[in-house]
C-alpha cells in the first residue's frame, strides 16, 4: 500500500522560499504568477492492506515527525 503525503504551510504563515520562487519566475519572464507557496511531498510504502490503519499510522507519522503542525498542515492519500 502507498501513502502520499502533502505538507504545506498553513494560510497566513510567511513563506520566504515561495516568495523567492515567485520572484525567480518573474525574472525568467513567466507573467501572471500571482503567488507561490512551497511545500513537500512524501511517498511512503506501507506493508499490509488495512487502509484505515494505514491512514491512522501515517497521520501519526505526520504529527510526530513529518509536519510541524504549528505552522504546517498535511493531507494523506492512501492508495494501492
N, C-alpha and C. Protein backbone atom coordinates (compact mmCIF):
# COMPACT_ATOMS: atom_id res chain seq x y z
N UNK A 1 0.85 -1.16 0.00
CA UNK A 1 0.00 0.00 0.00
C UNK A 1 0.90 1.23 0.00
N UNK A 2 0.45 2.29 -0.68
CA UNK A 2 1.25 3.50 -0.79
C UNK A 2 0.49 4.68 -0.18
N UNK A 3 1.21 5.46 0.62
CA UNK A 3 0.64 6.68 1.18
C UNK A 3 1.31 7.87 0.51
N UNK A 4 0.51 8.83 0.10
CA UNK A 4 1.02 10.09 -0.46
C UNK A 4 0.69 11.19 0.54
N UNK A 5 1.70 11.94 0.94
CA UNK A 5 1.54 12.97 1.95
C UNK A 5 1.99 14.30 1.37
N UNK A 6 1.11 15.29 1.43
CA UNK A 6 1.43 16.66 1.04
C UNK A 6 1.47 17.50 2.30
N UNK A 7 2.60 18.16 2.53
CA UNK A 7 2.76 19.04 3.69
C UNK A 7 2.95 20.45 3.16
N UNK A 8 2.10 21.37 3.61
CA UNK A 8 2.18 22.76 3.17
C UNK A 8 2.03 23.69 4.37
N UNK A 9 2.50 24.91 4.18
CA UNK A 9 2.36 25.90 5.23
C UNK A 9 0.90 26.27 5.40
N UNK A 10 0.50 26.53 6.62
CA UNK A 10 -0.86 26.98 6.89
C UNK A 10 -1.05 28.37 6.30
N UNK A 11 -2.29 28.71 5.94
CA UNK A 11 -2.56 30.08 5.45
C UNK A 11 -2.14 31.10 6.50
N UNK A 12 -1.55 32.18 6.04
CA UNK A 12 -1.13 33.24 6.95
C UNK A 12 0.30 33.11 7.44
N UNK A 13 0.91 31.94 7.23
CA UNK A 13 2.32 31.75 7.61
C UNK A 13 3.19 32.27 6.47
N UNK A 14 4.14 33.14 6.80
CA UNK A 14 5.03 33.68 5.77
C UNK A 14 5.82 32.57 5.10
N UNK A 15 6.03 32.72 3.80
CA UNK A 15 6.70 31.70 3.00
C UNK A 15 7.83 32.33 2.19
N UNK A 16 8.99 32.58 2.80
CA UNK A 16 10.08 33.23 2.07
C UNK A 16 10.57 32.42 0.87
N UNK A 17 10.58 31.10 0.97
CA UNK A 17 11.01 30.29 -0.16
C UNK A 17 10.02 30.43 -1.32
N UNK A 18 8.74 30.44 -1.02
CA UNK A 18 7.74 30.64 -2.06
C UNK A 18 7.90 32.00 -2.72
N UNK A 19 8.17 33.04 -1.92
CA UNK A 19 8.39 34.38 -2.47
C UNK A 19 9.62 34.40 -3.38
N UNK A 20 10.68 33.69 -2.99
CA UNK A 20 11.89 33.63 -3.81
C UNK A 20 11.59 32.96 -5.16
N UNK A 21 10.84 31.88 -5.13
CA UNK A 21 10.46 31.20 -6.38
C UNK A 21 9.59 32.11 -7.23
N UNK A 22 8.66 32.79 -6.60
CA UNK A 22 7.79 33.74 -7.31
C UNK A 22 8.62 34.80 -8.02
N UNK A 23 9.60 35.37 -7.32
CA UNK A 23 10.48 36.38 -7.92
C UNK A 23 11.32 35.82 -9.05
N UNK A 24 11.82 34.61 -8.88
CA UNK A 24 12.63 33.98 -9.92
C UNK A 24 11.80 33.70 -11.18
N UNK A 25 10.57 33.26 -10.99
CA UNK A 25 9.69 33.03 -12.15
C UNK A 25 9.44 34.32 -12.91
N UNK A 26 9.21 35.40 -12.18
CA UNK A 26 9.00 36.70 -12.83
C UNK A 26 10.26 37.13 -13.58
N UNK A 27 11.43 36.93 -12.98
CA UNK A 27 12.68 37.29 -13.63
C UNK A 27 12.94 36.47 -14.90
N UNK A 28 12.40 35.25 -14.92
CA UNK A 28 12.55 34.40 -16.11
C UNK A 28 11.49 34.69 -17.18
N UNK A 29 10.61 35.66 -16.90
CA UNK A 29 9.63 36.07 -17.89
C UNK A 29 8.29 35.36 -17.81
N UNK A 30 8.04 34.64 -16.74
CA UNK A 30 6.75 33.97 -16.59
C UNK A 30 5.76 34.96 -15.98
N UNK A 31 4.96 35.56 -16.83
CA UNK A 31 3.99 36.56 -16.39
C UNK A 31 2.74 35.88 -15.83
N UNK A 32 2.04 36.59 -14.97
CA UNK A 32 0.76 36.10 -14.48
C UNK A 32 0.84 35.23 -13.24
N UNK A 33 2.04 35.01 -12.71
CA UNK A 33 2.16 34.23 -11.48
C UNK A 33 1.87 35.17 -10.32
N UNK A 34 0.75 34.98 -9.64
CA UNK A 34 0.34 35.89 -8.58
C UNK A 34 0.97 35.54 -7.24
N UNK A 35 1.15 34.26 -6.95
CA UNK A 35 1.81 33.87 -5.71
C UNK A 35 2.26 32.43 -5.81
N UNK A 36 3.25 32.09 -4.98
CA UNK A 36 3.77 30.72 -4.91
C UNK A 36 3.88 30.34 -3.44
N UNK A 37 3.41 29.16 -3.10
CA UNK A 37 3.57 28.60 -1.76
C UNK A 37 4.32 27.29 -1.94
N UNK A 38 5.34 27.07 -1.17
CA UNK A 38 6.12 25.84 -1.28
C UNK A 38 5.67 24.85 -0.22
N UNK A 39 6.00 23.60 -0.45
CA UNK A 39 5.69 22.54 0.50
C UNK A 39 6.56 21.35 0.21
N UNK A 40 6.15 20.19 0.72
CA UNK A 40 6.89 18.98 0.44
C UNK A 40 5.92 17.83 0.19
N UNK A 41 6.39 16.88 -0.57
CA UNK A 41 5.61 15.70 -0.93
C UNK A 41 6.39 14.47 -0.52
N UNK A 42 5.73 13.54 0.16
CA UNK A 42 6.37 12.29 0.57
C UNK A 42 5.53 11.13 0.09
N UNK A 43 6.19 10.09 -0.38
CA UNK A 43 5.53 8.85 -0.77
C UNK A 43 6.08 7.76 0.13
N UNK A 44 5.18 7.08 0.82
CA UNK A 44 5.59 6.08 1.82
C UNK A 44 4.97 4.74 1.45
N UNK A 45 5.80 3.72 1.29
CA UNK A 45 5.32 2.36 1.03
C UNK A 45 5.04 1.69 2.37
N UNK A 46 3.86 1.14 2.50
CA UNK A 46 3.43 0.50 3.75
C UNK A 46 3.08 -0.96 3.52
N UNK A 47 3.41 -1.81 4.50
CA UNK A 47 3.01 -3.21 4.45
C UNK A 47 1.57 -3.33 4.93
N UNK A 48 0.88 -4.35 4.49
CA UNK A 48 -0.49 -4.60 4.95
C UNK A 48 -1.52 -4.09 3.97
N UNK A 49 -2.80 -4.33 4.32
CA UNK A 49 -3.88 -3.92 3.42
C UNK A 49 -5.05 -3.27 4.16
N UNK A 50 -4.84 -2.87 5.40
CA UNK A 50 -5.88 -2.18 6.17
C UNK A 50 -5.74 -0.67 5.95
N UNK A 51 -6.59 -0.14 5.09
CA UNK A 51 -6.49 1.28 4.72
C UNK A 51 -6.70 2.22 5.91
N UNK A 52 -7.66 1.90 6.76
CA UNK A 52 -7.93 2.76 7.91
C UNK A 52 -6.74 2.79 8.87
N UNK A 53 -6.15 1.63 9.12
CA UNK A 53 -4.97 1.56 9.99
C UNK A 53 -3.80 2.31 9.37
N UNK A 54 -3.65 2.17 8.06
CA UNK A 54 -2.56 2.87 7.36
C UNK A 54 -2.74 4.38 7.46
N UNK A 55 -3.97 4.84 7.28
CA UNK A 55 -4.23 6.28 7.37
C UNK A 55 -3.94 6.81 8.77
N UNK A 56 -4.35 6.05 9.77
CA UNK A 56 -4.06 6.45 11.16
C UNK A 56 -2.55 6.48 11.42
N UNK A 57 -1.86 5.47 10.93
CA UNK A 57 -0.42 5.38 11.15
C UNK A 57 0.31 6.55 10.47
N UNK A 58 -0.06 6.87 9.25
CA UNK A 58 0.60 7.96 8.53
C UNK A 58 0.26 9.31 9.18
N UNK A 59 -0.96 9.47 9.64
CA UNK A 59 -1.32 10.70 10.35
C UNK A 59 -0.46 10.86 11.60
N UNK A 60 -0.22 9.76 12.31
CA UNK A 60 0.63 9.81 13.49
C UNK A 60 2.07 10.17 13.10
N UNK A 61 2.54 9.63 11.97
CA UNK A 61 3.87 9.99 11.46
C UNK A 61 3.97 11.49 11.21
N UNK A 62 2.92 12.03 10.62
CA UNK A 62 2.89 13.47 10.33
C UNK A 62 2.90 14.28 11.61
N UNK A 63 2.10 13.87 12.57
CA UNK A 63 2.01 14.60 13.83
C UNK A 63 3.33 14.57 14.61
N UNK A 64 4.05 13.45 14.51
CA UNK A 64 5.26 13.28 15.31
C UNK A 64 6.54 13.70 14.61
N UNK A 65 6.56 13.66 13.25
CA UNK A 65 7.83 13.90 12.56
C UNK A 65 7.71 14.67 11.25
N UNK A 66 6.80 14.28 10.40
CA UNK A 66 6.81 14.77 9.02
C UNK A 66 6.34 16.21 8.86
N UNK A 67 5.50 16.70 9.76
CA UNK A 67 4.98 18.06 9.67
C UNK A 67 5.16 18.79 10.99
N UNK A 68 5.46 20.06 10.89
CA UNK A 68 5.45 20.93 12.07
C UNK A 68 4.04 21.49 12.16
N UNK A 69 3.20 20.86 12.95
CA UNK A 69 1.77 21.17 12.95
C UNK A 69 1.44 22.55 13.51
N UNK A 70 2.43 23.24 14.06
CA UNK A 70 2.20 24.62 14.49
C UNK A 70 2.05 25.52 13.27
N UNK A 71 2.85 25.27 12.23
CA UNK A 71 2.83 26.14 11.04
C UNK A 71 2.47 25.41 9.75
N UNK A 72 2.38 24.08 9.80
CA UNK A 72 2.11 23.31 8.58
C UNK A 72 0.84 22.47 8.74
N UNK A 73 0.23 22.20 7.57
CA UNK A 73 -0.89 21.27 7.53
C UNK A 73 -0.50 20.14 6.60
N UNK A 74 -1.19 19.02 6.71
CA UNK A 74 -0.86 17.88 5.86
C UNK A 74 -2.14 17.20 5.37
N UNK A 75 -2.01 16.57 4.20
CA UNK A 75 -3.08 15.78 3.62
C UNK A 75 -2.51 14.40 3.31
N UNK A 76 -3.25 13.37 3.64
CA UNK A 76 -2.81 12.00 3.42
C UNK A 76 -3.77 11.33 2.45
N UNK A 77 -3.19 10.65 1.46
CA UNK A 77 -3.97 9.86 0.50
C UNK A 77 -3.41 8.44 0.50
N UNK A 78 -4.25 7.46 0.75
CA UNK A 78 -3.82 6.06 0.77
C UNK A 78 -4.29 5.40 -0.52
N UNK A 79 -3.37 4.76 -1.20
CA UNK A 79 -3.70 4.07 -2.46
C UNK A 79 -3.02 2.73 -2.52
N UNK A 80 -3.22 2.05 -3.64
CA UNK A 80 -2.62 0.72 -3.85
C UNK A 80 -1.23 0.84 -4.41
